[in-house]
Amino acid sequence: MSALIICTTCADGSGQSLLEGVENEALARDLPLVVRGQACMAACGRSCTAALQGSGKHTYLFGELAPDADSIEALLTVAGQHAEPGEGLLAWSRRPERLKSGLIARLPPPA
């Protein structure tokens, strides 16, 4: 299972708003997704930020997100892709437009 972690301290409350929007939409869709907040993900120059993690999967850190419907939809879309069987690689061609330019880091699964 994948987890979506959203910085709650980004951009004077915008991160918290993004977290609440993602949580509400994930619940409304009954998605099997762990969503949680994290105070400061240390990417303040690229806020708002969100990360995807999963056991045996690549970890992704995305930035330059807004607390709006487009970002919420994009995050839920890639969370679904990340949860698919495999190492959690997110093909650039399958990513929503909002997440094609905001990638900060991709880390390999632990060895």
N, C-alpha and C. Protein backbone atom coordinates (compact mmCIF):
# COMPACT_ATOMS: atom_id res chain seq x y z
N MET A 1 0.83 -1.17 0.00
CA MET A 1 0.00 0.00 0.00
C MET A 1 0.88 1.24 0.00
N SER A 2 0.45 2.24 -0.69
CA SER A 2 1.17 3.50 -0.75
C SER A 2 0.62 4.47 0.28
N ALA A 3 1.48 5.39 0.68
CA ALA A 3 1.07 6.45 1.59
C ALA A 3 1.40 7.79 0.94
N LEU A 4 0.50 8.72 1.08
CA LEU A 4 0.67 10.08 0.57
C LEU A 4 0.87 10.98 1.78
N ILE A 5 2.03 11.63 1.84
CA ILE A 5 2.37 12.50 2.97
C ILE A 5 2.44 13.93 2.45
N ILE A 6 1.74 14.83 3.11
CA ILE A 6 1.66 16.22 2.66
C ILE A 6 2.19 17.13 3.76
N CYS A 7 3.06 18.06 3.38
CA CYS A 7 3.64 19.00 4.33
C CYS A 7 2.54 19.92 4.85
N THR A 8 2.39 19.96 6.16
CA THR A 8 1.33 20.77 6.76
C THR A 8 1.76 22.20 7.05
N THR A 9 3.05 22.48 6.98
CA THR A 9 3.54 23.81 7.32
C THR A 9 3.91 24.64 6.10
N CYS A 10 3.68 24.13 4.92
CA CYS A 10 4.01 24.84 3.68
C CYS A 10 3.15 26.09 3.50
N ALA A 11 3.79 27.14 3.07
CA ALA A 11 3.12 28.33 2.53
C ALA A 11 1.97 28.86 3.38
N ASP A 12 2.27 29.14 4.64
CA ASP A 12 1.29 29.79 5.51
C ASP A 12 -0.09 29.15 5.50
N GLY A 13 -0.13 27.85 5.67
CA GLY A 13 -1.42 27.17 5.77
C GLY A 13 -1.88 26.49 4.50
N SER A 14 -1.25 26.78 3.38
CA SER A 14 -1.67 26.14 2.13
C SER A 14 -1.44 24.63 2.17
N GLY A 15 -0.37 24.20 2.82
CA GLY A 15 -0.12 22.77 2.95
C GLY A 15 -1.21 22.07 3.73
N GLN A 16 -1.63 22.68 4.81
CA GLN A 16 -2.72 22.10 5.61
C GLN A 16 -4.01 22.04 4.79
N SER A 17 -4.26 23.08 4.00
CA SER A 17 -5.46 23.09 3.14
C SER A 17 -5.37 21.98 2.09
N LEU A 18 -4.18 21.78 1.53
CA LEU A 18 -4.00 20.70 0.55
C LEU A 18 -4.25 19.35 1.21
N LEU A 19 -3.69 19.15 2.40
CA LEU A 19 -3.90 17.89 3.12
C LEU A 19 -5.38 17.64 3.35
N GLU A 20 -6.09 18.63 3.83
CA GLU A 20 -7.52 18.45 4.10
C GLU A 20 -8.31 18.17 2.83
N GLY A 21 -7.95 18.82 1.74
CA GLY A 21 -8.62 18.56 0.47
C GLY A 21 -8.39 17.15 -0.03
N VAL A 22 -7.15 16.67 0.08
CA VAL A 22 -6.82 15.30 -0.34
C VAL A 22 -7.53 14.30 0.56
N GLU A 23 -7.50 14.51 1.86
CA GLU A 23 -8.18 13.59 2.78
C GLU A 23 -9.67 13.51 2.47
N ASN A 24 -10.29 14.65 2.29
CA ASN A 24 -11.74 14.67 2.01
C ASN A 24 -12.07 13.96 0.71
N GLU A 25 -11.29 14.20 -0.33
CA GLU A 25 -11.58 13.58 -1.62
C GLU A 25 -11.29 12.08 -1.59
N ALA A 26 -10.23 11.67 -0.91
CA ALA A 26 -9.93 10.24 -0.79
C ALA A 26 -11.05 9.51 -0.05
N LEU A 27 -11.57 10.14 1.00
CA LEU A 27 -12.69 9.55 1.74
C LEU A 27 -13.95 9.50 0.89
N ALA A 28 -14.22 10.58 0.16
CA ALA A 28 -15.42 10.63 -0.68
C ALA A 28 -15.39 9.54 -1.75
N ARG A 29 -14.20 9.20 -2.22
CA ARG A 29 -14.05 8.16 -3.25
C ARG A 29 -13.82 6.79 -2.66
N ASP A 30 -13.71 6.70 -1.34
CA ASP A 30 -13.46 5.44 -0.65
C ASP A 30 -12.18 4.78 -1.18
N LEU A 31 -11.11 5.57 -1.31
CA LEU A 31 -9.84 5.06 -1.83
C LEU A 31 -9.04 4.38 -0.72
N PRO A 32 -8.43 3.24 -1.03
CA PRO A 32 -7.59 2.56 -0.03
C PRO A 32 -6.20 3.21 0.00
N LEU A 33 -6.12 4.40 0.58
CA LEU A 33 -4.89 5.18 0.56
C LEU A 33 -4.65 5.78 1.93
N VAL A 34 -3.43 5.61 2.42
CA VAL A 34 -3.04 6.26 3.66
C VAL A 34 -2.66 7.70 3.31
N VAL A 35 -3.29 8.66 3.97
CA VAL A 35 -2.98 10.07 3.78
C VAL A 35 -2.65 10.64 5.15
N ARG A 36 -1.48 11.29 5.25
CA ARG A 36 -1.13 11.88 6.53
C ARG A 36 -0.32 13.16 6.33
N GLY A 37 -0.32 13.98 7.33
CA GLY A 37 0.43 15.22 7.31
C GLY A 37 1.78 15.06 7.98
N GLN A 38 2.69 15.92 7.59
CA GLN A 38 4.04 15.95 8.18
C GLN A 38 4.46 17.41 8.29
N ALA A 39 4.84 17.83 9.47
CA ALA A 39 5.33 19.19 9.64
C ALA A 39 6.70 19.32 8.98
N CYS A 40 6.85 20.24 8.11
CA CYS A 40 8.06 20.61 7.37
C CYS A 40 8.79 19.43 6.74
N MET A 41 8.69 19.36 5.44
CA MET A 41 9.39 18.33 4.67
C MET A 41 10.67 18.89 4.06
N ALA A 42 11.08 20.08 4.50
CA ALA A 42 12.36 20.71 4.16
C ALA A 42 12.53 21.00 2.67
N ALA A 43 11.45 21.33 2.02
CA ALA A 43 11.51 21.76 0.61
C ALA A 43 10.79 23.09 0.48
N CYS A 44 11.05 23.97 1.43
CA CYS A 44 10.31 25.24 1.55
C CYS A 44 10.38 26.10 0.29
N GLY A 45 11.46 26.04 -0.43
CA GLY A 45 11.59 26.81 -1.67
C GLY A 45 10.72 26.29 -2.80
N ARG A 46 10.13 25.12 -2.62
CA ARG A 46 9.29 24.51 -3.66
C ARG A 46 7.91 24.16 -3.12
N SER A 47 7.44 24.86 -2.09
CA SER A 47 6.16 24.51 -1.46
C SER A 47 4.99 24.83 -2.38
N CYS A 48 3.92 24.11 -2.14
CA CYS A 48 3.59 23.06 -1.19
C CYS A 48 4.18 21.73 -1.70
N THR A 49 4.48 20.85 -0.75
CA THR A 49 5.10 19.59 -1.11
C THR A 49 4.29 18.39 -0.62
N ALA A 50 4.47 17.29 -1.35
CA ALA A 50 3.83 16.02 -1.02
C ALA A 50 4.76 14.89 -1.43
N ALA A 51 4.72 13.81 -0.68
CA ALA A 51 5.56 12.64 -0.96
C ALA A 51 4.70 11.39 -1.08
N LEU A 52 5.19 10.46 -1.87
CA LEU A 52 4.59 9.12 -1.99
C LEU A 52 5.61 8.11 -1.51
N GLN A 53 5.19 7.23 -0.61
CA GLN A 53 6.05 6.17 -0.10
C GLN A 53 5.29 4.86 -0.09
N GLY A 54 6.04 3.78 -0.14
CA GLY A 54 5.45 2.46 0.00
C GLY A 54 6.55 1.43 0.18
N SER A 55 6.25 0.39 0.89
CA SER A 55 7.22 -0.67 1.14
C SER A 55 7.69 -1.28 -0.18
N GLY A 56 9.00 -1.30 -0.41
CA GLY A 56 9.56 -1.87 -1.62
C GLY A 56 9.36 -1.01 -2.85
N LYS A 57 8.98 0.25 -2.67
CA LYS A 57 8.68 1.14 -3.80
C LYS A 57 9.57 2.38 -3.77
N HIS A 58 9.73 3.00 -4.93
CA HIS A 58 10.41 4.27 -5.01
C HIS A 58 9.62 5.31 -4.21
N THR A 59 10.32 6.25 -3.63
CA THR A 59 9.71 7.37 -2.93
C THR A 59 9.82 8.59 -3.83
N TYR A 60 8.74 9.34 -3.93
CA TYR A 60 8.70 10.55 -4.75
C TYR A 60 8.39 11.75 -3.87
N LEU A 61 9.04 12.88 -4.16
CA LEU A 61 8.73 14.14 -3.50
C LEU A 61 8.38 15.16 -4.59
N PHE A 62 7.16 15.66 -4.52
CA PHE A 62 6.67 16.65 -5.47
C PHE A 62 6.52 17.99 -4.78
N GLY A 63 6.77 19.05 -5.52
CA GLY A 63 6.63 20.40 -4.99
C GLY A 63 5.87 21.30 -5.94
N GLU A 64 5.73 22.55 -5.51
CA GLU A 64 5.05 23.58 -6.30
C GLU A 64 3.59 23.23 -6.53
N LEU A 65 2.96 22.69 -5.50
CA LEU A 65 1.55 22.33 -5.56
C LEU A 65 0.70 23.43 -4.95
N ALA A 66 -0.49 23.57 -5.44
CA ALA A 66 -1.45 24.52 -4.88
C ALA A 66 -2.56 23.72 -4.20
N PRO A 67 -3.20 24.29 -3.20
CA PRO A 67 -4.30 23.57 -2.54
C PRO A 67 -5.59 23.70 -3.34
N ASP A 68 -5.56 23.18 -4.56
CA ASP A 68 -6.73 23.31 -5.45
C ASP A 68 -7.12 21.95 -6.01
N ALA A 69 -8.23 21.94 -6.73
CA ALA A 69 -8.78 20.69 -7.27
C ALA A 69 -7.81 19.99 -8.22
N ASP A 70 -7.04 20.74 -9.00
CA ASP A 70 -6.10 20.11 -9.93
C ASP A 70 -5.00 19.35 -9.19
N SER A 71 -4.45 19.96 -8.15
CA SER A 71 -3.40 19.28 -7.38
C SER A 71 -3.97 18.06 -6.65
N ILE A 72 -5.15 18.20 -6.09
CA ILE A 72 -5.78 17.08 -5.38
C ILE A 72 -5.99 15.91 -6.34
N GLU A 73 -6.54 16.18 -7.50
CA GLU A 73 -6.77 15.13 -8.49
C GLU A 73 -5.46 14.50 -8.94
N ALA A 74 -4.45 15.32 -9.18
CA ALA A 74 -3.14 14.81 -9.62
C ALA A 74 -2.53 13.91 -8.56
N LEU A 75 -2.58 14.32 -7.30
CA LEU A 75 -2.00 13.50 -6.23
C LEU A 75 -2.73 12.18 -6.07
N LEU A 76 -4.04 12.20 -6.16
CA LEU A 76 -4.79 10.94 -6.04
C LEU A 76 -4.53 10.03 -7.24
N THR A 77 -4.35 10.60 -8.41
CA THR A 77 -4.04 9.81 -9.61
C THR A 77 -2.70 9.10 -9.47
N VAL A 78 -1.64 9.84 -9.09
CA VAL A 78 -0.33 9.19 -8.98
C VAL A 78 -0.27 8.26 -7.79
N ALA A 79 -1.04 8.52 -6.74
CA ALA A 79 -1.09 7.59 -5.61
C ALA A 79 -1.64 6.24 -6.07
N GLY A 80 -2.65 6.27 -6.92
CA GLY A 80 -3.18 5.04 -7.49
C GLY A 80 -2.16 4.33 -8.36
N GLN A 81 -1.42 5.08 -9.16
CA GLN A 81 -0.38 4.48 -10.00
C GLN A 81 0.73 3.89 -9.13
N HIS A 82 1.11 4.60 -8.08
CA HIS A 82 2.18 4.16 -7.19
C HIS A 82 1.80 2.86 -6.48
N ALA A 83 0.52 2.68 -6.20
CA ALA A 83 0.04 1.50 -5.48
C ALA A 83 -0.04 0.26 -6.37
N GLU A 84 0.08 0.43 -7.68
CA GLU A 84 0.03 -0.72 -8.59
C GLU A 84 1.19 -1.66 -8.29
N PRO A 85 1.08 -2.95 -8.63
CA PRO A 85 2.18 -3.88 -8.40
C PRO A 85 3.47 -3.39 -9.06
N GLY A 86 4.58 -3.65 -8.39
CA GLY A 86 5.88 -3.25 -8.90
C GLY A 86 6.60 -2.34 -7.92
N GLU A 87 7.63 -1.68 -8.43
CA GLU A 87 8.50 -0.85 -7.59
C GLU A 87 8.00 0.58 -7.43
N GLY A 88 6.82 0.87 -7.91
CA GLY A 88 6.26 2.20 -7.73
C GLY A 88 6.83 3.26 -8.65
N LEU A 89 7.41 2.85 -9.76
CA LEU A 89 7.92 3.83 -10.72
C LEU A 89 6.75 4.54 -11.40
N LEU A 90 6.82 5.85 -11.43
CA LEU A 90 5.76 6.66 -12.04
C LEU A 90 6.25 7.17 -13.39
N ALA A 91 5.78 6.56 -14.44
CA ALA A 91 6.19 6.97 -15.78
C ALA A 91 5.78 8.42 -16.03
N TRP A 92 6.70 9.22 -16.54
CA TRP A 92 6.44 10.63 -16.80
C TRP A 92 5.22 10.78 -17.71
N SER A 93 5.09 9.91 -18.69
CA SER A 93 3.99 10.01 -19.66
C SER A 93 2.62 9.75 -19.03
N ARG A 94 2.58 9.05 -17.89
CA ARG A 94 1.30 8.76 -17.22
C ARG A 94 0.94 9.77 -16.14
N ARG A 95 1.90 10.61 -15.77
CA ARG A 95 1.65 11.58 -14.71
C ARG A 95 0.75 12.70 -15.18
N PRO A 96 -0.12 13.17 -14.31
CA PRO A 96 -0.92 14.35 -14.65
C PRO A 96 0.01 15.55 -14.91
N GLU A 97 -0.43 16.46 -15.75
CA GLU A 97 0.39 17.62 -16.11
C GLU A 97 0.93 18.34 -14.88
N ARG A 98 0.11 18.48 -13.87
CA ARG A 98 0.51 19.22 -12.66
C ARG A 98 1.76 18.63 -12.03
N LEU A 99 2.00 17.32 -12.21
CA LEU A 99 3.13 16.66 -11.55
C LEU A 99 4.29 16.34 -12.50
N LYS A 100 4.22 16.80 -13.71
CA LYS A 100 5.33 16.56 -14.64
C LYS A 100 6.51 17.49 -14.39
N SER A 101 6.25 18.69 -13.90
CA SER A 101 7.34 19.64 -13.71
C SER A 101 7.70 19.85 -12.24
N GLY A 102 6.93 19.32 -11.31
CA GLY A 102 7.16 19.60 -9.90
C GLY A 102 7.94 18.55 -9.14
N LEU A 103 8.57 17.60 -9.84
CA LEU A 103 9.29 16.54 -9.14
C LEU A 103 10.56 17.11 -8.52
N ILE A 104 10.72 16.90 -7.21
CA ILE A 104 11.92 17.34 -6.50
C ILE A 104 12.90 16.19 -6.39
N ALA A 105 12.41 14.99 -6.06
CA ALA A 105 13.30 13.85 -5.88
C ALA A 105 12.55 12.54 -6.09
N ARG A 106 13.31 11.54 -6.55
CA ARG A 106 12.85 10.15 -6.61
C ARG A 106 13.94 9.33 -5.98
N LEU A 107 13.61 8.60 -4.94
CA LEU A 107 14.58 7.79 -4.22
C LEU A 107 14.25 6.32 -4.43
N PRO A 108 15.27 5.49 -4.60
CA PRO A 108 15.00 4.07 -4.82
C PRO A 108 14.51 3.40 -3.55
N PRO A 109 13.87 2.24 -3.72
CA PRO A 109 13.46 1.48 -2.53
C PRO A 109 14.70 1.09 -1.72
N PRO A 110 14.55 0.94 -0.43
CA PRO A 110 15.68 0.48 0.37
C PRO A 110 16.16 -0.89 -0.12
N ALA A 111 17.44 -1.08 -0.03
CA ALA A 111 18.03 -2.35 -0.48
C ALA A 111 17.75 -3.47 0.48
